[in-house]
C-alpha atoms as a PDB file:
ATOM      1  CA  MET A   1     -19.339   4.642  51.532  1.00  0.00           C
ATOM      2  CA  SER A   2     -20.970   6.443  48.981  1.00  0.00           C
ATOM      3  CA  THR A   3     -20.119   3.759  46.518  1.00  0.00           C
ATOM      4  CA  PHE A   4     -21.711   1.120  48.429  1.00  0.00           C
ATOM      5  CA  LEU A   5     -24.690   3.102  47.796  1.00  0.00           C
ATOM      6  CA  ALA A   6     -24.456   3.821  44.076  1.00  0.00           C
ATOM      7  CA  ALA A   7     -23.611   0.096  44.056  1.00  0.00           C
ATOM      8  CA  GLN A   8     -27.007  -0.726  45.730  1.00  0.00           C
ATOM      9  CA  VAL A   9     -29.019   1.823  43.882  1.00  0.00           C
ATOM     10  CA  SER A  10     -27.733   0.614  40.453  1.00  0.00           C
ATOM     11  CA  VAL A  11     -28.453  -2.903  41.713  1.00  0.00           C
ATOM     12  CA  ALA A  12     -32.346  -1.681  42.619  1.00  0.00           C
ATOM     13  CA  VAL A  13     -32.641  -0.025  39.391  1.00  0.00           C
ATOM     14  CA  ARG A  14     -31.467  -2.903  37.441  1.00  0.00           C
ATOM     15  CA  ALA A  15     -33.897  -5.539  39.211  1.00  0.00           C
ATOM     16  CA  GLN A  16     -36.954  -3.022  38.648  1.00  0.00           C
ATOM     17  CA  ALA A  17     -35.767  -1.933  34.282  1.00  0.00           C
ATOM     18  CA  PRO A  18     -38.059  -4.375  32.158  1.00  0.00           C
ATOM     19  CA  ASP A  19     -36.121  -7.092  30.244  1.00  0.00           C
ATOM     20  CA  PRO A  20     -38.030  -7.613  26.756  1.00  0.00           C
ATOM     21  CA  SER A  21     -37.185 -10.333  24.595  1.00  0.00           C
ATOM     22  CA  PRO A  22     -36.310  -9.234  20.784  1.00  0.00           C
ATOM     23  CA  VAL A  23     -39.455 -10.539  18.553  1.00  0.00           C
ATOM     24  CA  ALA A  24     -39.486 -10.338  14.566  1.00  0.00           C
ATOM     25  CA  PRO A  25     -42.362  -8.478  13.575  1.00  0.00           C
ATOM     26  CA  PRO A  26     -44.931  -9.931  11.491  1.00  0.00           C
ATOM     27  CA  GLY A  27     -44.127 -10.584   8.110  1.00  0.00           C
ATOM     28  CA  SER A  28     -40.002 -10.470   8.591  1.00  0.00           C
ATOM     29  CA  SER A  29     -39.830 -14.114   7.303  1.00  0.00           C
ATOM     30  CA  SER A  30     -39.097 -13.066   4.047  1.00  0.00           C
ATOM     31  CA  PHE A  31     -36.260 -11.208   5.057  1.00  0.00           C
ATOM     32  CA  LEU A  32     -34.924 -12.982   7.515  1.00  0.00           C
ATOM     33  CA  ASP A  33     -34.901 -16.064   4.306  1.00  0.00           C
ATOM     34  CA  LEU A  34     -32.841 -13.498   2.747  1.00  0.00           C
ATOM     35  CA  LEU A  35     -30.260 -12.256   5.649  1.00  0.00           C
ATOM     36  CA  ASN A  36     -29.512 -16.369   5.658  1.00  0.00           C
ATOM     37  CA  TRP A  37     -28.899 -16.601   2.306  1.00  0.00           C
ATOM     38  CA  ALA A  38     -26.872 -13.967   2.092  1.00  0.00           C
ATOM     39  CA  LEU A  39     -24.773 -15.333   5.080  1.00  0.00           C
ATOM     40  CA  TRP A  40     -24.792 -18.391   3.264  1.00  0.00           C
ATOM     41  CA  ILE A  41     -22.972 -16.691   0.147  1.00  0.00           C
ATOM     42  CA  VAL A  42     -20.546 -14.698   2.694  1.00  0.00           C
ATOM     43  CA  MET A  43     -19.662 -17.766   4.299  1.00  0.00           C
ATOM     44  CA  GLY A  44     -19.188 -19.574   0.778  1.00  0.00           C
ATOM     45  CA  LEU A  45     -17.281 -17.032  -0.521  1.00  0.00           C
ATOM     46  CA  GLY A  46     -14.602 -17.711   2.773  1.00  0.00           C
ATOM     47  CA  VAL A  47     -14.557 -21.092   1.954  1.00  0.00           C
ATOM     48  CA  LEU A  48     -13.515 -20.224  -1.480  1.00  0.00           C
ATOM     49  CA  GLY A  49     -11.008 -17.349   0.051  1.00  0.00           C
ATOM     50  CA  PHE A  50      -9.391 -20.277   1.388  1.00  0.00           C
ATOM     51  CA  LEU A  51      -8.654 -22.569  -0.961  1.00  0.00           C
ATOM     52  CA  ILE A  52      -7.826 -18.953  -3.010  1.00  0.00           C
ATOM     53  CA  CYS A  53      -4.995 -18.638  -0.899  1.00  0.00           C
ATOM     54  CA  ALA A  54      -4.184 -22.556  -0.098  1.00  0.00           C
ATOM     55  CA  GLY A  55      -3.605 -23.000  -3.726  1.00  0.00           C
ATOM     56  CA  ALA A  56      -1.761 -19.875  -4.287  1.00  0.00           C
ATOM     57  CA  LEU A  57       0.605 -20.919  -1.073  1.00  0.00           C
ATOM     58  CA  MET A  58       1.246 -24.032  -3.226  1.00  0.00           C
ATOM     59  CA  VAL A  59       2.072 -22.098  -6.392  1.00  0.00           C
ATOM     60  CA  GLN A  60       4.086 -19.246  -4.597  1.00  0.00           C
ATOM     61  CA  HIS A  61       6.163 -21.576  -2.627  1.00  0.00           C
ATOM     62  CA  SER A  62       8.900 -22.389  -5.010  1.00  0.00           C
ATOM     63  CA  HIS A  63       9.020 -18.810  -5.469  1.00  0.00           C
ATOM     64  CA  GLY A  64       9.684 -17.827  -1.899  1.00  0.00           C
ATOM     65  CA  THR A  65       6.808 -15.358  -1.824  1.00  0.00           C
ATOM     66  CA  MET A  66       4.454 -17.194   0.604  1.00  0.00           C
ATOM     67  CA  ALA A  67       5.258 -14.235   3.072  1.00  0.00           C
ATOM     68  CA  LYS A  68       2.020 -11.786   0.786  1.00  0.00           C
ATOM     69  CA  HIS A  69      -0.002 -14.769   1.141  1.00  0.00           C
ATOM     70  CA  GLY A  70      -0.167 -15.664   4.059  1.00  0.00           C
ATOM     71  CA  GLY A  71      -1.100 -12.180   5.318  1.00  0.00           C
ATOM     72  CA  ASN A  72      -3.933 -13.016   2.682  1.00  0.00           C
ATOM     73  CA  ILE A  73      -5.173 -15.903   4.557  1.00  0.00           C
ATOM     74  CA  ALA A  74      -5.402 -13.984   7.649  1.00  0.00           C
ATOM     75  CA  LEU A  75      -7.608 -11.295   6.276  1.00  0.00           C
ATOM     76  CA  VAL A  76      -9.789 -14.174   4.789  1.00  0.00           C
ATOM     77  CA  ALA A  77      -9.744 -15.785   7.945  1.00  0.00           C
ATOM     78  CA  ILE A  78     -10.876 -11.794   9.792  1.00  0.00           C
ATOM     79  CA  GLY A  79     -13.241 -11.550   7.003  1.00  0.00           C
ATOM     80  CA  CYS A  80     -14.491 -15.058   8.450  1.00  0.00           C
ATOM     81  CA  ILE A  81     -14.712 -13.968  12.233  1.00  0.00           C
ATOM     82  CA  VAL A  82     -16.537 -11.001  11.415  1.00  0.00           C
ATOM     83  CA  ALA A  83     -19.218 -12.626   9.207  1.00  0.00           C
ATOM     84  CA  ALA A  84     -19.335 -15.419  11.409  1.00  0.00           C
ATOM     85  CA  SER A  85     -20.071 -12.827  14.663  1.00  0.00           C
ATOM     86  CA  ALA A  86     -21.964 -10.334  12.883  1.00  0.00           C
ATOM     87  CA  SER A  87     -25.480 -11.075  14.830  1.00  0.00           C
ATOM     88  CA  GLY A  88     -23.642 -10.980  18.073  1.00  0.00           C
ATOM     89  CA  MET A  89     -21.779  -7.442  17.110  1.00  0.00           C
ATOM     90  CA  VAL A  90     -25.173  -5.636  16.244  1.00  0.00           C
ATOM     91  CA  ASN A  91     -26.485  -7.506  19.648  1.00  0.00           C
ATOM     92  CA  LEU A  92     -23.697  -6.028  21.527  1.00  0.00           C
ATOM     93  CA  LEU A  93     -24.337  -2.503  20.107  1.00  0.00           C
ATOM     94  CA  MET A  94     -28.120  -2.287  20.662  1.00  0.00           C
ATOM     95  CA  ALA A  95     -28.115  -3.128  24.468  1.00  0.00           C
END
């Protein structure tokens, strides 16, 4: 019974809580432009990282050391995933 009551109180509190939408402060457009450029550069470096790893795989194919560069591809992929989801992670941490 107490769990049911706690759930009802929780729903009532959430219904009354304000839900403000984030609004950028005045004058932040140049900072947002800088963030967009930084994201563009990071994504370009990610593509370059994939191309370098692919070239290394092609060269090392005959030497039998492909496993090392396969791990590098995984690291580049993880870096791209983190860069692409950075704003979502910040929103998750701020909630």
